[in-house]
Amino acid sequence: MAAYIRFNNMQHPSSMGDTKAELYLNHLVNSQNIAQGTQANALNALSFLYK
């Protein structure tokens, strides 16, 4: 999830919430043109990170 942290200007994940995760997932789809399955993998990784 290094890309998630870099996307959010090196903020610690504990200081970020749902909005930051949603913005990151939208960025992956809109700017990086990733596949839906890859976005699902990123969502699962974020879910695991916050558990």
N, C-alpha and C. Protein backbone atom coordinates (compact mmCIF):
# COMPACT_ATOMS: atom_id res chain seq x y z
N MET A 1 0.81 -1.18 0.00
CA MET A 1 0.00 0.00 0.00
C MET A 1 0.86 1.26 0.00
N ALA A 2 2.07 1.10 -0.43
CA ALA A 2 2.96 2.25 -0.53
C ALA A 2 2.40 3.31 -1.48
N ALA A 3 1.78 2.88 -2.56
CA ALA A 3 1.20 3.83 -3.51
C ALA A 3 0.08 4.63 -2.87
N TYR A 4 -0.69 4.01 -2.01
CA TYR A 4 -1.77 4.70 -1.29
C TYR A 4 -1.20 5.77 -0.38
N ILE A 5 -0.12 5.44 0.31
CA ILE A 5 0.51 6.41 1.21
C ILE A 5 1.15 7.54 0.41
N ARG A 6 1.83 7.21 -0.69
CA ARG A 6 2.42 8.26 -1.53
C ARG A 6 1.33 9.15 -2.12
N PHE A 7 0.22 8.56 -2.55
CA PHE A 7 -0.88 9.34 -3.12
C PHE A 7 -1.40 10.36 -2.11
N ASN A 8 -1.37 10.01 -0.85
CA ASN A 8 -1.87 10.90 0.21
C ASN A 8 -0.74 11.67 0.89
N ASN A 9 0.29 11.99 0.14
CA ASN A 9 1.39 12.84 0.61
C ASN A 9 2.07 12.33 1.86
N MET A 10 2.32 11.02 1.88
CA MET A 10 3.09 10.38 2.95
C MET A 10 2.42 10.45 4.33
N GLN A 11 1.11 10.58 4.35
CA GLN A 11 0.38 10.56 5.62
C GLN A 11 0.32 9.13 6.14
N HIS A 12 0.32 8.99 7.44
CA HIS A 12 0.19 7.67 8.05
C HIS A 12 -1.25 7.18 7.85
N PRO A 13 -1.46 5.91 7.52
CA PRO A 13 -2.81 5.40 7.29
C PRO A 13 -3.77 5.62 8.46
N SER A 14 -3.25 5.66 9.68
CA SER A 14 -4.15 5.87 10.82
C SER A 14 -4.74 7.27 10.84
N SER A 15 -4.14 8.21 10.11
CA SER A 15 -4.67 9.57 10.07
C SER A 15 -5.60 9.80 8.89
N MET A 16 -5.81 8.76 8.08
CA MET A 16 -6.68 8.87 6.92
C MET A 16 -7.93 8.04 7.15
N GLY A 17 -9.00 8.43 6.49
CA GLY A 17 -10.25 7.71 6.67
C GLY A 17 -10.85 7.24 5.36
N ASP A 18 -12.15 7.04 5.40
CA ASP A 18 -12.88 6.52 4.24
C ASP A 18 -12.76 7.42 3.01
N THR A 19 -12.80 8.71 3.22
CA THR A 19 -12.76 9.65 2.10
C THR A 19 -11.45 9.53 1.34
N LYS A 20 -10.34 9.42 2.05
CA LYS A 20 -9.03 9.30 1.41
C LYS A 20 -8.93 7.98 0.63
N ALA A 21 -9.47 6.92 1.18
CA ALA A 21 -9.45 5.63 0.50
C ALA A 21 -10.30 5.69 -0.77
N GLU A 22 -11.46 6.32 -0.67
CA GLU A 22 -12.34 6.44 -1.83
C GLU A 22 -11.68 7.28 -2.92
N LEU A 23 -11.03 8.38 -2.54
CA LEU A 23 -10.33 9.21 -3.52
C LEU A 23 -9.22 8.43 -4.21
N TYR A 24 -8.51 7.61 -3.45
CA TYR A 24 -7.43 6.81 -4.03
C TYR A 24 -7.99 5.79 -5.03
N LEU A 25 -9.05 5.11 -4.66
CA LEU A 25 -9.64 4.12 -5.57
C LEU A 25 -10.17 4.78 -6.84
N ASN A 26 -10.77 5.95 -6.70
CA ASN A 26 -11.24 6.69 -7.88
C ASN A 26 -10.06 7.13 -8.74
N HIS A 27 -8.98 7.53 -8.12
CA HIS A 27 -7.77 7.92 -8.86
C HIS A 27 -7.25 6.74 -9.69
N LEU A 28 -7.26 5.57 -9.11
CA LEU A 28 -6.78 4.39 -9.84
C LEU A 28 -7.58 4.17 -11.11
N VAL A 29 -8.87 4.32 -11.02
CA VAL A 29 -9.73 4.07 -12.18
C VAL A 29 -9.64 5.22 -13.19
N ASN A 30 -9.74 6.45 -12.70
CA ASN A 30 -9.83 7.59 -13.60
C ASN A 30 -8.49 8.03 -14.18
N SER A 31 -7.43 7.98 -13.40
CA SER A 31 -6.14 8.48 -13.86
C SER A 31 -5.19 7.38 -14.32
N GLN A 32 -5.27 6.23 -13.68
CA GLN A 32 -4.35 5.15 -13.99
C GLN A 32 -4.93 4.12 -14.96
N ASN A 33 -6.22 4.23 -15.24
CA ASN A 33 -6.90 3.33 -16.18
C ASN A 33 -6.70 1.86 -15.84
N ILE A 34 -6.86 1.51 -14.57
CA ILE A 34 -6.71 0.12 -14.17
C ILE A 34 -8.01 -0.64 -14.39
N ALA A 35 -7.92 -1.93 -14.42
CA ALA A 35 -9.09 -2.78 -14.61
C ALA A 35 -9.91 -2.85 -13.32
N GLN A 36 -11.16 -3.22 -13.47
CA GLN A 36 -12.06 -3.31 -12.32
C GLN A 36 -11.55 -4.32 -11.30
N GLY A 37 -10.98 -5.40 -11.75
CA GLY A 37 -10.44 -6.41 -10.84
C GLY A 37 -9.27 -5.88 -10.02
N THR A 38 -8.45 -5.06 -10.65
CA THR A 38 -7.32 -4.46 -9.93
C THR A 38 -7.82 -3.49 -8.87
N GLN A 39 -8.87 -2.76 -9.19
CA GLN A 39 -9.47 -1.85 -8.20
C GLN A 39 -10.04 -2.67 -7.03
N ALA A 40 -10.63 -3.79 -7.32
CA ALA A 40 -11.16 -4.66 -6.26
C ALA A 40 -10.03 -5.16 -5.37
N ASN A 41 -8.90 -5.51 -5.97
CA ASN A 41 -7.74 -5.94 -5.19
C ASN A 41 -7.24 -4.81 -4.29
N ALA A 42 -7.21 -3.60 -4.81
CA ALA A 42 -6.78 -2.45 -4.00
C ALA A 42 -7.76 -2.21 -2.86
N LEU A 43 -9.04 -2.37 -3.12
CA LEU A 43 -10.05 -2.20 -2.07
C LEU A 43 -9.87 -3.26 -0.98
N ASN A 44 -9.60 -4.49 -1.38
CA ASN A 44 -9.36 -5.55 -0.40
C ASN A 44 -8.10 -5.28 0.42
N ALA A 45 -7.07 -4.76 -0.23
CA ALA A 45 -5.84 -4.43 0.50
C ALA A 45 -6.07 -3.31 1.50
N LEU A 46 -6.85 -2.30 1.11
CA LEU A 46 -7.17 -1.21 2.03
C LEU A 46 -8.02 -1.73 3.20
N SER A 47 -8.94 -2.60 2.89
CA SER A 47 -9.77 -3.19 3.95
C SER A 47 -8.91 -3.96 4.94
N PHE A 48 -7.97 -4.73 4.44
CA PHE A 48 -7.06 -5.48 5.30
C PHE A 48 -6.18 -4.54 6.13
N LEU A 49 -5.72 -3.47 5.51
CA LEU A 49 -4.88 -2.50 6.19
C LEU A 49 -5.57 -1.89 7.39
N TYR A 50 -6.85 -1.60 7.25
CA TYR A 50 -7.58 -0.91 8.32
C TYR A 50 -8.20 -1.85 9.34
N LYS A 51 -8.06 -3.16 9.17
CA LYS A 51 -8.60 -4.09 10.17
C LYS A 51 -7.64 -4.34 11.27
